[in-house]
Amino acid sequence: MTYLSQNFDIHNVFEFLRISASEPDNKEAMRESYWIIVYIYLRKIAWDISDSFQNEKTKAMLQSVNPHDFTFSQGFLVHEKTQKKIDLSCFVQTAIEEAQEKAQYLALNNMHNLTKVNRIKSEDRLLSDYPHFYSLKMEGREDVRLHGMRNSENGEFIISSIQGNFTLYGRGFLGIVQPNFLGTKFEVYDFGIEPGYIQTTNLPRDFLPVRKRVSTIEYDTNFFAEKPRSFRVSIVEEQKGQHPNERHLENLAPRFNEQRGCYTLNFYGRVSKASARNFQLIETDGDEDEIILSHGKFQRNEFNLDFRAPVNQLVGFAVSLSAIGKKRVVG
């Protein structure tokens, strides 16, 4: 049971937050209080993240909190009835630490990452097998690094660090993959909140992370699947003190195999099923032997995803989701 569920009820929420702000060494209370404040802030703009709290008692208590009892003003949380204030700058370090924990999924490493992506379709649905659920595991390990969900055939993908927790802007939220209407373009964003939702004059700097685009995936139209898929991936690289740089990848064109009567690529045993979802990415104008990302079908609803820098876990997973998911005009 969390510190929050042991010590918090709907009648003393402000007092709980005030006490936490005065005890910065209590990391658990600071973290819980920070997310309560984020919850209140988002509720005021009609966004509910209570489902991202794991404890059922906590969810019920949060849903009973009236966000109109509070005001955010010039860096303070104000309790309207008593006019007492909490200096939100007390929670900035906690906010930064929470963002850093999520940002680890955007970090690069020097490894050649071998992973598996699994898809689970919903059962016992009369008209649809959605939502679809996805997971990313490191090869040879059972712990899941990333979870994904798509609610509908042409909907967005939500990426989370917590199984079953797909609340936008919530505690497990890591990113979103947004398709256009035709399914030819996917914008990948990180865990930040849309800039229009953040009132910079009423919140301390760095209290809420601002949403950033991390990648764009663009497919060529191929409605009848008469030829192999062709697509490109751009990756935004943040550079401290400088404008972001972009790296560009494109799929390696497969060669037609006369003996097999189909287009083929060398997947070095990592692919066992023919599929339009089998592809390799190289840097645009780069060496064709330098494979950056390889993706292929291993068995039904299971895909091997291998990648290295400049692709990180989040972008690699997003590329896989865009490839596996249905698209209106891409066969």
C-alpha atoms as a PDB file:
ATOM      1  CA  MET A   1       0.000   0.000   0.000  1.00  0.00           C
ATOM      2  CA  THR A   2       1.370   3.424  -0.945  1.00  0.00           C
ATOM      3  CA  TYR A   3       2.104   6.288   1.396  1.00  0.00           C
ATOM      4  CA  LEU A   4      -0.738   8.126  -0.315  1.00  0.00           C
ATOM      5  CA  SER A   5      -3.408   5.523   0.363  1.00  0.00           C
ATOM      6  CA  GLN A   6      -2.339   5.243   4.006  1.00  0.00           C
ATOM      7  CA  ASN A   7      -2.366   8.956   4.774  1.00  0.00           C
ATOM      8  CA  PHE A   8      -4.748  10.690   2.392  1.00  0.00           C
ATOM      9  CA  ASP A   9      -8.503  11.223   2.286  1.00  0.00           C
ATOM     10  CA  ILE A  10     -10.702  13.697   0.480  1.00  0.00           C
ATOM     11  CA  HIS A  11     -11.061  15.906   3.536  1.00  0.00           C
ATOM     12  CA  ASN A  12      -7.375  16.628   4.137  1.00  0.00           C
ATOM     13  CA  VAL A  13      -5.859  16.604   0.644  1.00  0.00           C
ATOM     14  CA  PHE A  14      -4.568  20.171   0.910  1.00  0.00           C
ATOM     15  CA  GLU A  15      -3.103  19.487   4.347  1.00  0.00           C
ATOM     16  CA  PHE A  16      -1.397  16.367   3.013  1.00  0.00           C
ATOM     17  CA  LEU A  17       0.133  18.397   0.171  1.00  0.00           C
ATOM     18  CA  ARG A  18       1.190  21.167   2.534  1.00  0.00           C
ATOM     19  CA  ILE A  19       2.910  18.759   4.928  1.00  0.00           C
ATOM     20  CA  SER A  20       4.665  16.985   2.055  1.00  0.00           C
ATOM     21  CA  ALA A  21       5.980  20.314   0.761  1.00  0.00           C
ATOM     22  CA  SER A  22       7.513  20.979   4.180  1.00  0.00           C
ATOM     23  CA  GLU A  23       9.228  17.565   4.296  1.00  0.00           C
ATOM     24  CA  PRO A  24      11.292  17.317   1.081  1.00  0.00           C
ATOM     25  CA  ASP A  25      13.320  14.378   2.425  1.00  0.00           C
ATOM     26  CA  ASN A  26      10.224  12.164   2.317  1.00  0.00           C
ATOM     27  CA  LYS A  27      10.654  11.196  -1.331  1.00  0.00           C
ATOM     28  CA  GLU A  28       7.611   8.943  -1.510  1.00  0.00           C
ATOM     29  CA  ALA A  29       5.281  11.597  -0.111  1.00  0.00           C
ATOM     30  CA  MET A  30       6.800  14.220  -2.434  1.00  0.00           C
ATOM     31  CA  ARG A  31       6.289  11.972  -5.439  1.00  0.00           C
ATOM     32  CA  GLU A  32       2.699  11.117  -4.514  1.00  0.00           C
ATOM     33  CA  SER A  33       1.918  14.762  -3.778  1.00  0.00           C
ATOM     34  CA  TYR A  34       3.410  15.886  -7.073  1.00  0.00           C
ATOM     35  CA  TRP A  35       1.116  13.532  -8.985  1.00  0.00           C
ATOM     36  CA  ILE A  36      -1.914  14.634  -6.954  1.00  0.00           C
ATOM     37  CA  ILE A  37      -1.145  18.229  -7.944  1.00  0.00           C
ATOM     38  CA  VAL A  38      -0.735  17.206 -11.599  1.00  0.00           C
ATOM     39  CA  TYR A  39      -4.062  15.380 -11.341  1.00  0.00           C
ATOM     40  CA  ILE A  40      -5.788  18.500  -9.947  1.00  0.00           C
ATOM     41  CA  TYR A  41      -4.214  20.700 -12.627  1.00  0.00           C
ATOM     42  CA  LEU A  42      -5.329  18.434 -15.471  1.00  0.00           C
ATOM     43  CA  ARG A  43      -8.808  17.959 -13.998  1.00  0.00           C
ATOM     44  CA  LYS A  44      -9.268  21.726 -14.202  1.00  0.00           C
ATOM     45  CA  ILE A  45      -8.924  21.412 -17.980  1.00  0.00           C
ATOM     46  CA  ALA A  46     -11.234  18.352 -18.017  1.00  0.00           C
ATOM     47  CA  TRP A  47      -8.458  15.750 -18.266  1.00  0.00           C
ATOM     48  CA  ASP A  48      -8.662  12.850 -15.804  1.00  0.00           C
ATOM     49  CA  ILE A  49      -5.531  10.794 -15.034  1.00  0.00           C
ATOM     50  CA  SER A  50      -6.901   9.042 -11.940  1.00  0.00           C
ATOM     51  CA  ASP A  51      -6.755   5.684 -13.749  1.00  0.00           C
ATOM     52  CA  SER A  52      -2.965   5.968 -13.799  1.00  0.00           C
ATOM     53  CA  PHE A  53      -2.877   5.606 -10.011  1.00  0.00           C
ATOM     54  CA  GLN A  54      -2.492   1.901  -9.243  1.00  0.00           C
ATOM     55  CA  ASN A  55      -4.309   1.694  -5.905  1.00  0.00           C
ATOM     56  CA  GLU A  56      -8.115   1.445  -6.223  1.00  0.00           C
ATOM     57  CA  LYS A  57      -8.695   3.331  -2.968  1.00  0.00           C
ATOM     58  CA  THR A  58      -6.488   6.118  -4.259  1.00  0.00           C
ATOM     59  CA  LYS A  59      -8.432   6.301  -7.538  1.00  0.00           C
ATOM     60  CA  ALA A  60     -11.734   6.596  -5.695  1.00  0.00           C
ATOM     61  CA  MET A  61     -10.419   9.311  -3.408  1.00  0.00           C
ATOM     62  CA  LEU A  62      -8.945  11.334  -6.253  1.00  0.00           C
ATOM     63  CA  GLN A  63     -12.154  11.186  -8.265  1.00  0.00           C
ATOM     64  CA  SER A  64     -13.937  12.677  -5.247  1.00  0.00           C
ATOM     65  CA  VAL A  65     -11.627  15.705  -5.149  1.00  0.00           C
ATOM     66  CA  ASN A  66     -13.250  18.841  -6.541  1.00  0.00           C
ATOM     67  CA  PRO A  67     -10.653  20.618  -8.715  1.00  0.00           C
ATOM     68  CA  HIS A  68     -12.589  23.878  -8.368  1.00  0.00           C
ATOM     69  CA  ASP A  69     -11.545  23.985  -4.711  1.00  0.00           C
ATOM     70  CA  PHE A  70      -8.059  24.878  -5.946  1.00  0.00           C
ATOM     71  CA  THR A  71      -6.458  27.605  -8.038  1.00  0.00           C
ATOM     72  CA  PHE A  72      -3.015  27.767  -9.635  1.00  0.00           C
ATOM     73  CA  SER A  73      -1.622  31.288  -9.410  1.00  0.00           C
ATOM     74  CA  GLN A  74       1.894  32.648  -9.947  1.00  0.00           C
ATOM     75  CA  GLY A  75       3.639  29.455  -8.920  1.00  0.00           C
ATOM     76  CA  PHE A  76       1.350  28.618  -5.996  1.00  0.00           C
ATOM     77  CA  LEU A  77      -1.448  26.129  -5.393  1.00  0.00           C
ATOM     78  CA  VAL A  78      -4.191  28.056  -3.617  1.00  0.00           C
ATOM     79  CA  HIS A  79      -6.952  26.478  -1.536  1.00  0.00           C
ATOM     80  CA  GLU A  80      -9.929  28.669  -2.384  1.00  0.00           C
ATOM     81  CA  LYS A  81     -11.867  28.232   0.851  1.00  0.00           C
ATOM     82  CA  THR A  82      -9.006  29.065   3.231  1.00  0.00           C
ATOM     83  CA  GLN A  83      -6.791  31.019   0.790  1.00  0.00           C
ATOM     84  CA  LYS A  84      -3.822  29.035   2.068  1.00  0.00           C
ATOM     85  CA  LYS A  85      -0.997  28.545  -0.426  1.00  0.00           C
ATOM     86  CA  ILE A  86       1.610  25.931  -1.293  1.00  0.00           C
ATOM     87  CA  ASP A  87       4.758  27.015  -3.103  1.00  0.00           C
ATOM     88  CA  LEU A  88       4.953  24.660  -6.082  1.00  0.00           C
ATOM     89  CA  SER A  89       8.675  25.285  -6.494  1.00  0.00           C
ATOM     90  CA  CYS A  90       9.081  22.772  -3.632  1.00  0.00           C
ATOM     91  CA  PHE A  91       8.075  20.056  -6.092  1.00  0.00           C
ATOM     92  CA  VAL A  92      10.203  21.077  -9.082  1.00  0.00           C
ATOM     93  CA  GLN A  93      13.052  18.705  -8.226  1.00  0.00           C
ATOM     94  CA  THR A  94      10.548  15.864  -7.914  1.00  0.00           C
ATOM     95  CA  ALA A  95       9.056  16.853 -11.281  1.00  0.00           C
ATOM     96  CA  ILE A  96      12.507  16.784 -12.878  1.00  0.00           C
ATOM     97  CA  GLU A  97      13.261  13.363 -11.384  1.00  0.00           C
ATOM     98  CA  GLU A  98       9.952  11.954 -12.640  1.00  0.00           C
ATOM     99  CA  ALA A  99      10.696  13.286 -16.142  1.00  0.00           C
ATOM    100  CA  GLN A 100      14.227  11.870 -16.044  1.00  0.00           C
ATOM    101  CA  GLU A 101      12.871   8.450 -15.133  1.00  0.00           C
ATOM    102  CA  LYS A 102      10.642   8.507 -18.205  1.00  0.00           C
ATOM    103  CA  ALA A 103      13.382   9.964 -20.410  1.00  0.00           C
ATOM    104  CA  GLN A 104      15.513   6.845 -19.930  1.00  0.00           C
ATOM    105  CA  TYR A 105      13.376   5.211 -22.625  1.00  0.00           C
ATOM    106  CA  LEU A 106      14.590   7.893 -25.045  1.00  0.00           C
ATOM    107  CA  ALA A 107      18.241   7.323 -24.166  1.00  0.00           C
ATOM    108  CA  LEU A 108      20.658   5.747 -26.635  1.00  0.00           C
ATOM    109  CA  ASN A 109      23.125   2.978 -25.901  1.00  0.00           C
ATOM    110  CA  ASN A 110      26.065   1.484 -27.764  1.00  0.00           C
ATOM    111  CA  MET A 111      24.453  -1.935 -27.998  1.00  0.00           C
ATOM    112  CA  HIS A 112      22.846  -3.819 -30.844  1.00  0.00           C
ATOM    113  CA  ASN A 113      19.474  -4.302 -29.142  1.00  0.00           C
ATOM    114  CA  LEU A 114      17.688  -7.583 -29.876  1.00  0.00           C
ATOM    115  CA  THR A 115      14.027  -7.414 -28.850  1.00  0.00           C
ATOM    116  CA  LYS A 116      10.666  -9.078 -29.415  1.00  0.00           C
ATOM    117  CA  VAL A 117       7.335  -7.339 -29.980  1.00  0.00           C
ATOM    118  CA  ASN A 118       4.148  -9.267 -29.229  1.00  0.00           C
ATOM    119  CA  ARG A 119       0.588  -8.359 -30.147  1.00  0.00           C
ATOM    120  CA  ILE A 120      -2.491  -9.539 -28.242  1.00  0.00           C
ATOM    121  CA  LYS A 121      -5.929  -9.001 -29.770  1.00  0.00           C
ATOM    122  CA  SER A 122      -9.023  -8.715 -27.629  1.00  0.00           C
ATOM    123  CA  GLU A 123     -11.274 -11.762 -27.507  1.00  0.00           C
ATOM    124  CA  ASP A 124     -15.019 -12.246 -27.182  1.00  0.00           C
ATOM    125  CA  ARG A 125     -15.838  -9.031 -29.025  1.00  0.00           C
ATOM    126  CA  LEU A 126     -18.743  -9.300 -31.482  1.00  0.00           C
ATOM    127  CA  LEU A 127     -17.791  -6.611 -33.974  1.00  0.00           C
ATOM    128  CA  SER A 128     -14.099  -5.983 -33.352  1.00  0.00           C
ATOM    129  CA  ASP A 129     -10.968  -7.549 -31.856  1.00  0.00           C
ATOM    130  CA  TYR A 130      -9.809  -4.155 -30.563  1.00  0.00           C
ATOM    131  CA  PRO A 131      -8.214  -2.905 -28.445  1.00  0.00           C
ATOM    132  CA  HIS A 132      -4.894  -4.461 -29.435  1.00  0.00           C
ATOM    133  CA  PHE A 133      -2.149  -4.679 -26.835  1.00  0.00           C
ATOM    134  CA  TYR A 134       1.584  -4.798 -27.534  1.00  0.00           C
ATOM    135  CA  SER A 135       4.697  -5.496 -25.509  1.00  0.00           C
ATOM    136  CA  LEU A 136       8.434  -5.119 -26.075  1.00  0.00           C
ATOM    137  CA  LYS A 137      10.874  -7.492 -24.369  1.00  0.00           C
ATOM    138  CA  MET A 138      14.621  -7.827 -24.614  1.00  0.00           C
ATOM    139  CA  GLU A 139      15.657 -11.067 -26.309  1.00  0.00           C
ATOM    140  CA  GLY A 140      15.985 -13.860 -23.754  1.00  0.00           C
ATOM    141  CA  ARG A 141      14.211 -11.967 -20.977  1.00  0.00           C
ATOM    142  CA  GLU A 142      10.633 -12.107 -19.740  1.00  0.00           C
ATOM    143  CA  ASP A 143      10.316  -8.649 -18.168  1.00  0.00           C
ATOM    144  CA  VAL A 144       8.482  -6.215 -20.438  1.00  0.00           C
ATOM    145  CA  ARG A 145      10.247  -2.940 -21.183  1.00  0.00           C
ATOM    146  CA  LEU A 146       7.380  -1.180 -22.978  1.00  0.00           C
ATOM    147  CA  HIS A 147       3.635  -1.658 -23.330  1.00  0.00           C
ATOM    148  CA  GLY A 148       1.435  -0.351 -26.136  1.00  0.00           C
ATOM    149  CA  MET A 149      -2.282  -0.138 -26.868  1.00  0.00           C
ATOM    150  CA  ARG A 150      -4.428   0.771 -29.857  1.00  0.00           C
ATOM    151  CA  ASN A 151      -8.145   1.196 -29.222  1.00  0.00           C
ATOM    152  CA  SER A 152      -9.347   1.088 -32.818  1.00  0.00           C
ATOM    153  CA  GLU A 153      -8.217   0.059 -36.290  1.00  0.00           C
ATOM    154  CA  ASN A 154      -7.069   3.541 -37.282  1.00  0.00           C
ATOM    155  CA  GLY A 155      -6.498   5.056 -33.861  1.00  0.00           C
ATOM    156  CA  GLU A 156      -3.412   6.271 -32.065  1.00  0.00           C
ATOM    157  CA  PHE A 157      -1.003   4.068 -30.136  1.00  0.00           C
ATOM    158  CA  ILE A 158      -0.370   4.856 -26.463  1.00  0.00           C
ATOM    159  CA  ILE A 159       2.984   3.713 -25.046  1.00  0.00           C
ATOM    160  CA  SER A 160       3.397   3.088 -21.322  1.00  0.00           C
ATOM    161  CA  SER A 161       5.906   1.695 -18.845  1.00  0.00           C
ATOM    162  CA  ILE A 162       3.105   0.053 -16.826  1.00  0.00           C
ATOM    163  CA  GLN A 163       0.966  -2.838 -18.059  1.00  0.00           C
ATOM    164  CA  GLY A 164      -2.695  -1.889 -18.404  1.00  0.00           C
ATOM    165  CA  ASN A 165      -1.956   1.766 -17.631  1.00  0.00           C
ATOM    166  CA  PHE A 166      -2.560   3.722 -20.828  1.00  0.00           C
ATOM    167  CA  THR A 167      -3.831   7.043 -19.461  1.00  0.00           C
ATOM    168  CA  LEU A 168      -2.581   9.965 -21.533  1.00  0.00           C
ATOM    169  CA  TYR A 169      -0.252  12.166 -19.399  1.00  0.00           C
ATOM    170  CA  GLY A 170      -0.538   9.671 -16.530  1.00  0.00           C
ATOM    171  CA  ARG A 171       2.127   8.125 -14.343  1.00  0.00           C
ATOM    172  CA  GLY A 172       3.088   5.354 -16.760  1.00  0.00           C
ATOM    173  CA  PHE A 173       2.625   7.378 -19.965  1.00  0.00           C
ATOM    174  CA  LEU A 174       5.774   7.439 -22.122  1.00  0.00           C
ATOM    175  CA  GLY A 175       4.607   8.543 -25.542  1.00  0.00           C
ATOM    176  CA  ILE A 176       2.019   8.537 -28.295  1.00  0.00           C
ATOM    177  CA  VAL A 177       2.084   7.525 -31.969  1.00  0.00           C
ATOM    178  CA  GLN A 178      -0.485   9.567 -33.896  1.00  0.00           C
ATOM    179  CA  PRO A 179      -1.474   8.527 -37.457  1.00  0.00           C
ATOM    180  CA  ASN A 180      -2.976  10.755 -40.089  1.00  0.00           C
ATOM    181  CA  PHE A 181      -6.322   9.798 -41.636  1.00  0.00           C
ATOM    182  CA  LEU A 182      -4.812   7.688 -44.427  1.00  0.00           C
ATOM    183  CA  GLY A 183      -2.293   5.945 -42.209  1.00  0.00           C
ATOM    184  CA  THR A 184       0.630   7.143 -44.313  1.00  0.00           C
ATOM    185  CA  LYS A 185       2.186   9.390 -41.662  1.00  0.00           C
ATOM    186  CA  PHE A 186       2.766   8.794 -37.958  1.00  0.00           C
ATOM    187  CA  GLU A 187       3.986  11.482 -35.575  1.00  0.00           C
ATOM    188  CA  VAL A 188       5.735  10.167 -32.470  1.00  0.00           C
ATOM    189  CA  TYR A 189       5.682  12.343 -29.338  1.00  0.00           C
ATOM    190  CA  ASP A 190       7.239  11.826 -25.932  1.00  0.00           C
ATOM    191  CA  PHE A 191       5.574  11.876 -22.478  1.00  0.00           C
ATOM    192  CA  GLY A 192       5.241  15.666 -22.267  1.00  0.00           C
ATOM    193  CA  ILE A 193       2.010  17.641 -22.093  1.00  0.00           C
ATOM    194  CA  GLU A 194       0.797  19.690 -25.057  1.00  0.00           C
ATOM    195  CA  PRO A 195       2.112  23.265 -24.712  1.00  0.00           C
ATOM    196  CA  GLY A 196      -1.386  24.736 -24.968  1.00  0.00           C
ATOM    197  CA  TYR A 197      -2.359  23.011 -21.716  1.00  0.00           C
ATOM    198  CA  ILE A 198       0.468  24.527 -19.677  1.00  0.00           C
ATOM    199  CA  GLN A 199      -0.095  27.987 -18.169  1.00  0.00           C
ATOM    200  CA  THR A 200       3.492  29.145 -17.840  1.00  0.00           C
ATOM    201  CA  THR A 201       2.598  32.179 -15.700  1.00  0.00           C
ATOM    202  CA  ASN A 202       0.915  30.007 -13.055  1.00  0.00           C
ATOM    203  CA  LEU A 203       3.388  27.122 -12.822  1.00  0.00           C
ATOM    204  CA  PRO A 204       7.097  27.090 -11.955  1.00  0.00           C
ATOM    205  CA  ARG A 205       9.488  26.310 -14.771  1.00  0.00           C
ATOM    206  CA  ASP A 206       9.972  22.542 -15.298  1.00  0.00           C
ATOM    207  CA  PHE A 207       6.935  21.664 -13.162  1.00  0.00           C
ATOM    208  CA  LEU A 208       5.309  19.942 -16.145  1.00  0.00           C
ATOM    209  CA  PRO A 209       7.247  18.450 -19.085  1.00  0.00           C
ATOM    210  CA  VAL A 210       6.380  19.993 -22.454  1.00  0.00           C
ATOM    211  CA  ARG A 211       5.559  17.591 -25.270  1.00  0.00           C
ATOM    212  CA  LYS A 212       8.257  17.094 -27.910  1.00  0.00           C
ATOM    213  CA  ARG A 213       8.148  15.367 -31.265  1.00  0.00           C
ATOM    214  CA  VAL A 214      10.769  12.629 -31.305  1.00  0.00           C
ATOM    215  CA  SER A 215      10.152  11.002 -34.683  1.00  0.00           C
ATOM    216  CA  THR A 216       8.079  11.015 -37.874  1.00  0.00           C
ATOM    217  CA  ILE A 217       7.314   7.860 -39.879  1.00  0.00           C
ATOM    218  CA  GLU A 218       6.061   8.263 -43.473  1.00  0.00           C
ATOM    219  CA  TYR A 219       4.821   5.468 -45.740  1.00  0.00           C
ATOM    220  CA  ASP A 220       4.288   5.636 -49.489  1.00  0.00           C
ATOM    221  CA  THR A 221       0.780   4.814 -50.659  1.00  0.00           C
ATOM    222  CA  ASN A 222       0.574   1.137 -51.604  1.00  0.00           C
ATOM    223  CA  PHE A 223      -3.107   0.302 -51.414  1.00  0.00           C
ATOM    224  CA  PHE A 224      -3.053  -2.977 -53.364  1.00  0.00           C
ATOM    225  CA  ALA A 225       0.289  -4.160 -51.937  1.00  0.00           C
ATOM    226  CA  GLU A 226       1.609  -4.656 -55.472  1.00  0.00           C
ATOM    227  CA  LYS A 227       5.184  -3.968 -54.345  1.00  0.00           C
ATOM    228  CA  PRO A 228       7.165  -3.952 -51.085  1.00  0.00           C
ATOM    229  CA  ARG A 229       6.415  -1.165 -48.640  1.00  0.00           C
ATOM    230  CA  SER A 230       8.513   1.965 -48.929  1.00  0.00           C
ATOM    231  CA  PHE A 231       8.843   4.356 -46.012  1.00  0.00           C
ATOM    232  CA  ARG A 232      11.096   6.812 -44.201  1.00  0.00           C
ATOM    233  CA  VAL A 233      11.799   7.624 -40.571  1.00  0.00           C
ATOM    234  CA  SER A 234      13.153  10.904 -39.223  1.00  0.00           C
ATOM    235  CA  ILE A 235      14.521  11.022 -35.674  1.00  0.00           C
ATOM    236  CA  VAL A 236      14.889  14.246 -33.706  1.00  0.00           C
ATOM    237  CA  GLU A 237      18.167  14.460 -31.791  1.00  0.00           C
ATOM    238  CA  GLU A 238      18.193  16.985 -28.960  1.00  0.00           C
ATOM    239  CA  GLN A 239      21.452  18.896 -28.610  1.00  0.00           C
ATOM    240  CA  LYS A 240      22.046  20.916 -25.468  1.00  0.00           C
ATOM    241  CA  GLY A 241      22.155  24.623 -26.240  1.00  0.00           C
ATOM    242  CA  GLN A 242      21.574  24.036 -29.956  1.00  0.00           C
ATOM    243  CA  HIS A 243      18.702  23.511 -32.343  1.00  0.00           C
ATOM    244  CA  PRO A 244      17.640  19.860 -32.599  1.00  0.00           C
ATOM    245  CA  ASN A 245      19.253  17.812 -35.344  1.00  0.00           C
ATOM    246  CA  GLU A 246      17.373  15.250 -37.446  1.00  0.00           C
ATOM    247  CA  ARG A 247      18.642  11.883 -38.632  1.00  0.00           C
ATOM    248  CA  HIS A 248      16.917  10.289 -41.605  1.00  0.00           C
ATOM    249  CA  LEU A 249      16.393   6.591 -42.234  1.00  0.00           C
ATOM    250  CA  GLU A 250      14.771   4.752 -45.125  1.00  0.00           C
ATOM    251  CA  ASN A 251      13.909   1.143 -45.774  1.00  0.00           C
ATOM    252  CA  LEU A 252      16.411  -0.937 -47.693  1.00  0.00           C
ATOM    253  CA  ALA A 253      14.825  -1.988 -50.970  1.00  0.00           C
ATOM    254  CA  PRO A 254      14.508  -5.790 -51.123  1.00  0.00           C
ATOM    255  CA  ARG A 255      15.802  -7.627 -54.169  1.00  0.00           C
ATOM    256  CA  PHE A 256      13.611  -9.917 -56.241  1.00  0.00           C
ATOM    257  CA  ASN A 257      14.613 -13.552 -55.745  1.00  0.00           C
ATOM    258  CA  GLU A 258      14.027 -15.452 -58.979  1.00  0.00           C
ATOM    259  CA  GLN A 259      14.148 -18.860 -57.285  1.00  0.00           C
ATOM    260  CA  ARG A 260      11.587 -17.958 -54.629  1.00  0.00           C
ATOM    261  CA  GLY A 261       9.558 -15.669 -56.861  1.00  0.00           C
ATOM    262  CA  CYS A 262       9.412 -12.912 -54.246  1.00  0.00           C
ATOM    263  CA  TYR A 263      11.311  -9.942 -52.823  1.00  0.00           C
ATOM    264  CA  THR A 264      13.818 -10.877 -50.123  1.00  0.00           C
ATOM    265  CA  LEU A 265      16.229  -9.411 -47.579  1.00  0.00           C
ATOM    266  CA  ASN A 266      18.828 -11.164 -45.436  1.00  0.00           C
ATOM    267  CA  PHE A 267      17.537 -11.252 -41.869  1.00  0.00           C
ATOM    268  CA  TYR A 268      20.204 -13.667 -40.608  1.00  0.00           C
ATOM    269  CA  GLY A 269      17.677 -16.114 -39.188  1.00  0.00           C
ATOM    270  CA  ARG A 270      15.679 -13.501 -37.260  1.00  0.00           C
ATOM    271  CA  VAL A 271      12.629 -13.796 -39.551  1.00  0.00           C
ATOM    272  CA  SER A 272      10.716 -16.991 -40.282  1.00  0.00           C
ATOM    273  CA  LYS A 273       7.498 -15.771 -41.962  1.00  0.00           C
ATOM    274  CA  ALA A 274       6.988 -13.870 -45.215  1.00  0.00           C
ATOM    275  CA  SER A 275       5.259 -10.577 -44.427  1.00  0.00           C
ATOM    276  CA  ALA A 276       4.873  -6.981 -45.585  1.00  0.00           C
ATOM    277  CA  ARG A 277       6.060  -6.147 -42.067  1.00  0.00           C
ATOM    278  CA  ASN A 278       9.554  -7.493 -42.779  1.00  0.00           C
ATOM    279  CA  PHE A 279      11.973  -4.636 -43.447  1.00  0.00           C
ATOM    280  CA  GLN A 280      15.355  -3.114 -42.668  1.00  0.00           C
ATOM    281  CA  LEU A 281      16.233   0.551 -42.202  1.00  0.00           C
ATOM    282  CA  ILE A 282      19.466   2.245 -43.208  1.00  0.00           C
ATOM    283  CA  GLU A 283      20.545   5.876 -43.020  1.00  0.00           C
ATOM    284  CA  THR A 284      19.506   7.895 -46.052  1.00  0.00           C
ATOM    285  CA  ASP A 285      22.544   8.174 -48.361  1.00  0.00           C
ATOM    286  CA  GLY A 286      24.333   5.805 -45.974  1.00  0.00           C
ATOM    287  CA  ASP A 287      26.057   2.443 -46.394  1.00  0.00           C
ATOM    288  CA  GLU A 288      23.560  -0.294 -47.307  1.00  0.00           C
ATOM    289  CA  ASP A 289      25.524  -2.757 -45.162  1.00  0.00           C
ATOM    290  CA  GLU A 290      24.987  -0.635 -42.033  1.00  0.00           C
ATOM    291  CA  ILE A 291      21.569  -1.827 -40.866  1.00  0.00           C
ATOM    292  CA  ILE A 292      20.134   0.506 -38.201  1.00  0.00           C
ATOM    293  CA  LEU A 293      16.855  -1.332 -37.578  1.00  0.00           C
ATOM    294  CA  SER A 294      15.586  -4.744 -38.623  1.00  0.00           C
ATOM    295  CA  HIS A 295      11.985  -5.885 -38.189  1.00  0.00           C
ATOM    296  CA  GLY A 296      10.352  -9.130 -39.161  1.00  0.00           C
ATOM    297  CA  LYS A 297       7.646 -11.661 -38.440  1.00  0.00           C
ATOM    298  CA  PHE A 298       8.787 -14.632 -36.383  1.00  0.00           C
ATOM    299  CA  GLN A 299       5.418 -16.243 -35.823  1.00  0.00           C
ATOM    300  CA  ARG A 300       1.794 -15.163 -35.596  1.00  0.00           C
ATOM    301  CA  ASN A 301       1.545 -11.952 -33.538  1.00  0.00           C
ATOM    302  CA  GLU A 302       5.265 -12.087 -32.702  1.00  0.00           C
ATOM    303  CA  PHE A 303       7.910  -9.923 -34.359  1.00  0.00           C
ATOM    304  CA  ASN A 304      11.651  -9.560 -33.918  1.00  0.00           C
ATOM    305  CA  LEU A 305      12.810  -5.946 -33.615  1.00  0.00           C
ATOM    306  CA  ASP A 306      16.554  -5.251 -33.624  1.00  0.00           C
ATOM    307  CA  PHE A 307      17.965  -1.735 -33.518  1.00  0.00           C
ATOM    308  CA  ARG A 308      20.909   0.453 -32.589  1.00  0.00           C
ATOM    309  CA  ALA A 309      21.693   4.157 -32.354  1.00  0.00           C
ATOM    310  CA  PRO A 310      20.317   6.580 -33.475  1.00  0.00           C
ATOM    311  CA  VAL A 311      17.172   4.541 -32.701  1.00  0.00           C
ATOM    312  CA  ASN A 312      16.156   4.325 -29.035  1.00  0.00           C
ATOM    313  CA  GLN A 313      13.619   2.017 -27.373  1.00  0.00           C
ATOM    314  CA  LEU A 314      10.667   4.372 -27.754  1.00  0.00           C
ATOM    315  CA  VAL A 315      11.305   5.147 -31.430  1.00  0.00           C
ATOM    316  CA  GLY A 316      12.057   1.512 -32.260  1.00  0.00           C
ATOM    317  CA  PHE A 317       8.809   0.406 -30.614  1.00  0.00           C
ATOM    318  CA  ALA A 318       6.899   3.180 -32.416  1.00  0.00           C
ATOM    319  CA  VAL A 319       8.276   2.056 -35.794  1.00  0.00           C
ATOM    320  CA  SER A 320       7.204  -1.508 -35.013  1.00  0.00           C
ATOM    321  CA  LEU A 321       3.704  -0.409 -33.961  1.00  0.00           C
ATOM    322  CA  SER A 322       3.246   1.638 -37.127  1.00  0.00           C
ATOM    323  CA  ALA A 323       4.348  -1.336 -39.235  1.00  0.00           C
ATOM    324  CA  ILE A 324       2.158  -3.907 -37.481  1.00  0.00           C
ATOM    325  CA  GLY A 325      -0.963  -1.742 -37.276  1.00  0.00           C
ATOM    326  CA  LYS A 326      -3.473  -1.414 -40.099  1.00  0.00           C
ATOM    327  CA  LYS A 327      -3.284   1.569 -42.448  1.00  0.00           C
ATOM    328  CA  ARG A 328      -6.002   2.682 -44.853  1.00  0.00           C
ATOM    329  CA  VAL A 329      -3.886   3.037 -48.022  1.00  0.00           C
ATOM    330  CA  VAL A 330      -0.769   1.024 -47.194  1.00  0.00           C
ATOM    331  CA  GLY A 331      -0.979  -2.692 -47.931  1.00  0.00           C
END
